[in-house]
Amino acid sequence: MDILVRNAEATDWATIAEFNRALAAETEDKDLDWDTLCAGVRRLLEDVGKGRYFIAEVDGRIVGTTMITYEWSDWRDGWIWWIQSVYVHPDFRGCGVFSRLYRHIEALAATDDVRAVRLYVLKSNERARATYLKLGMHESGYTVLEAGAGD
């Protein structure tokens, strides 16, 4: 199967939003507000300073998406990229779609001032954890804590 990875375009917003909605429902049993989700996706697509979406396609069909956001590390004097919103259409899971997306991001990071590529995953999502570990990622020793306005 030939998997093409590309930068997302503004016209991809609806598919990205649908995939994000499916991700939230599948992994966290959350029903995201559609209007808020669409606004958030569009806003990121309009401002690469916020992050970037990547698309995986098979025969012109979008089958996977992910996004990176940026964190500056003074300790490392460089960027940390955070992989977020990972979703692969159920019909294409286990076919190497996320591996291609990840390797694409990894290659871009190697040509930029990126010190680390990170992501967070629900402890209960064993399949995703196994995929990330198989790709060479490792437990960082950090635990993510959160405060804020909720979901």
Protein backbone atom coordinates (compact mmCIF):
# COMPACT_ATOMS: atom_id res chain seq x y z
CA MET A 1 0.00 0.00 0.00
CA ASP A 2 1.39 3.39 -1.00
CA ILE A 3 0.90 5.93 1.82
CA LEU A 4 1.46 9.57 0.92
CA VAL A 5 2.18 11.98 3.79
CA ARG A 6 1.67 15.68 3.19
CA ASN A 7 1.06 18.95 4.99
CA ALA A 8 -2.60 19.55 5.68
CA GLU A 9 -4.31 22.26 3.67
CA ALA A 10 -7.15 24.58 4.69
CA THR A 11 -9.57 22.44 2.67
CA ASP A 12 -8.81 19.41 4.89
CA TRP A 13 -10.42 21.00 7.97
CA ALA A 14 -13.65 18.97 7.93
CA THR A 15 -11.91 15.60 7.73
CA ILE A 16 -9.45 16.59 10.44
CA ALA A 17 -12.33 17.71 12.66
CA GLU A 18 -14.24 14.45 12.01
CA PHE A 19 -11.16 12.40 12.84
CA ASN A 20 -10.58 14.42 16.03
CA ARG A 21 -14.19 13.91 17.05
CA ALA A 22 -13.85 10.16 16.46
CA LEU A 23 -10.57 10.12 18.41
CA ALA A 24 -12.16 11.77 21.44
CA ALA A 25 -15.13 9.40 21.35
CA GLU A 26 -13.00 6.26 20.96
CA THR A 27 -10.25 7.03 23.45
CA GLU A 28 -11.92 9.17 26.10
CA ASP A 29 -15.65 8.63 25.53
CA LYS A 30 -15.96 12.40 24.95
CA ASP A 31 -18.42 14.14 22.67
CA LEU A 32 -16.61 17.27 21.52
CA ASP A 33 -18.55 20.42 20.68
CA TRP A 34 -18.53 20.51 16.87
CA ASP A 35 -18.40 24.31 16.51
CA THR A 36 -15.53 24.65 18.98
CA LEU A 37 -13.64 21.77 17.39
CA CYS A 38 -14.03 23.18 13.87
CA ALA A 39 -12.90 26.62 15.02
CA GLY A 40 -9.84 25.11 16.70
CA VAL A 41 -8.86 23.08 13.65
CA ARG A 42 -9.29 26.02 11.30
CA ARG A 43 -7.37 28.35 13.59
CA LEU A 44 -4.36 26.03 13.66
CA LEU A 45 -4.49 25.55 9.89
CA GLU A 46 -4.38 29.34 9.48
CA ASP A 47 -1.42 29.86 11.84
CA VAL A 48 1.66 27.61 11.56
CA GLY A 49 2.96 29.31 14.70
CA LYS A 50 0.38 27.27 16.62
CA GLY A 51 1.32 23.98 15.00
CA ARG A 52 0.95 21.87 11.88
CA TYR A 53 -1.33 19.08 10.77
CA PHE A 54 -0.10 16.23 8.61
CA ILE A 55 -2.28 14.04 6.43
CA ALA A 56 -1.77 10.43 5.35
CA GLU A 57 -3.49 9.46 2.11
CA VAL A 58 -4.03 6.19 0.29
CA ASP A 59 -5.28 6.49 -3.28
CA GLY A 60 -6.32 10.10 -2.62
CA ARG A 61 -8.34 9.19 0.48
CA ILE A 62 -7.39 10.70 3.84
CA VAL A 63 -6.76 7.75 6.14
CA GLY A 64 -4.80 9.33 8.98
CA THR A 65 -3.99 12.65 10.58
CA THR A 66 -1.80 14.04 13.28
CA MET A 67 -0.61 17.41 14.45
CA ILE A 68 2.49 18.84 16.06
CA THR A 69 2.68 21.76 18.44
CA TYR A 70 5.80 23.46 19.69
CA GLU A 71 7.44 23.97 23.07
CA TRP A 72 10.64 25.95 23.58
CA SER A 73 13.12 24.31 25.96
CA ASP A 74 15.55 26.64 27.65
CA TRP A 75 17.29 23.61 29.17
CA ARG A 76 17.97 22.24 25.72
CA ASP A 77 18.17 25.55 23.86
CA GLY A 78 15.86 24.17 21.21
CA TRP A 79 12.39 23.04 20.30
CA ILE A 80 10.37 20.10 21.52
CA TRP A 81 7.65 19.01 19.14
CA TRP A 82 4.53 17.47 20.63
CA ILE A 83 2.60 14.99 18.51
CA GLN A 84 -1.12 15.32 19.13
CA SER A 85 -4.48 14.34 17.65
CA VAL A 86 -3.25 11.03 16.23
CA TYR A 87 -6.02 9.27 14.34
CA VAL A 88 -6.00 6.49 11.78
CA HIS A 89 -9.24 5.44 10.13
CA PRO A 90 -10.28 1.99 11.46
CA ASP A 91 -10.06 0.43 7.98
CA PHE A 92 -6.35 1.30 7.83
CA ARG A 93 -5.13 0.50 11.33
CA GLY A 94 -2.20 -1.90 11.46
CA CYS A 95 -1.17 -0.94 7.91
CA GLY A 96 1.69 1.39 8.81
CA VAL A 97 -0.20 4.69 8.48
CA PHE A 98 0.93 6.17 11.77
CA SER A 99 4.45 4.82 11.25
CA ARG A 100 4.65 6.83 8.01
CA LEU A 101 3.30 9.96 9.72
CA TYR A 102 5.76 9.54 12.58
CA ARG A 103 8.76 8.94 10.31
CA HIS A 104 7.79 12.05 8.33
CA ILE A 105 7.72 14.15 11.50
CA GLU A 106 10.95 12.57 12.71
CA ALA A 107 12.68 13.46 9.41
CA LEU A 108 11.45 17.07 9.57
CA ALA A 109 12.62 17.34 13.18
CA ALA A 110 16.09 16.16 12.17
CA THR A 111 16.42 19.08 9.75
CA ASP A 112 15.18 21.67 12.24
CA ASP A 113 16.36 22.79 15.68
CA VAL A 114 14.31 20.07 17.41
CA ARG A 115 15.75 18.43 20.51
CA ALA A 116 12.92 15.95 21.16
CA VAL A 117 9.64 14.68 19.76
CA ARG A 118 7.11 13.84 22.43
CA LEU A 119 3.53 12.77 22.80
CA TYR A 120 1.21 11.83 25.59
CA VAL A 121 -1.06 8.81 25.54
CA LEU A 122 -3.77 7.57 27.86
CA LYS A 123 -2.41 4.86 30.13
CA SER A 124 -5.35 2.67 29.13
CA ASN A 125 -4.57 2.91 25.40
CA GLU A 126 -2.28 -0.12 25.26
CA ARG A 127 -2.44 -0.52 21.48
CA ALA A 128 -1.23 3.04 20.88
CA ARG A 129 1.46 2.71 23.56
CA ALA A 130 2.75 -0.46 21.91
CA THR A 131 2.88 1.30 18.53
CA TYR A 132 4.83 4.25 19.92
CA LEU A 133 7.30 2.01 21.75
CA LYS A 134 7.80 -0.11 18.61
CA LEU A 135 8.71 3.06 16.70
CA GLY A 136 11.54 3.72 19.18
CA MET A 137 9.85 6.12 21.56
CA HIS A 138 10.34 5.53 25.28
CA GLU A 139 8.82 6.47 28.61
CA SER A 140 10.20 9.87 29.55
CA GLY A 141 9.72 9.61 33.28
CA TYR A 142 7.35 12.58 33.32
CA THR A 143 3.69 12.53 34.30
CA VAL A 144 1.39 15.08 32.71
CA LEU A 145 -0.60 17.19 35.18
CA GLU A 146 -3.35 19.57 34.14
CA ALA A 147 -5.38 22.47 35.43
CA GLY A 148 -7.84 24.54 33.50
CA ALA A 149 -11.35 25.20 32.41
CA GLY A 150 -12.14 21.54 31.82
CA ASP A 151 -12.66 19.64 28.61
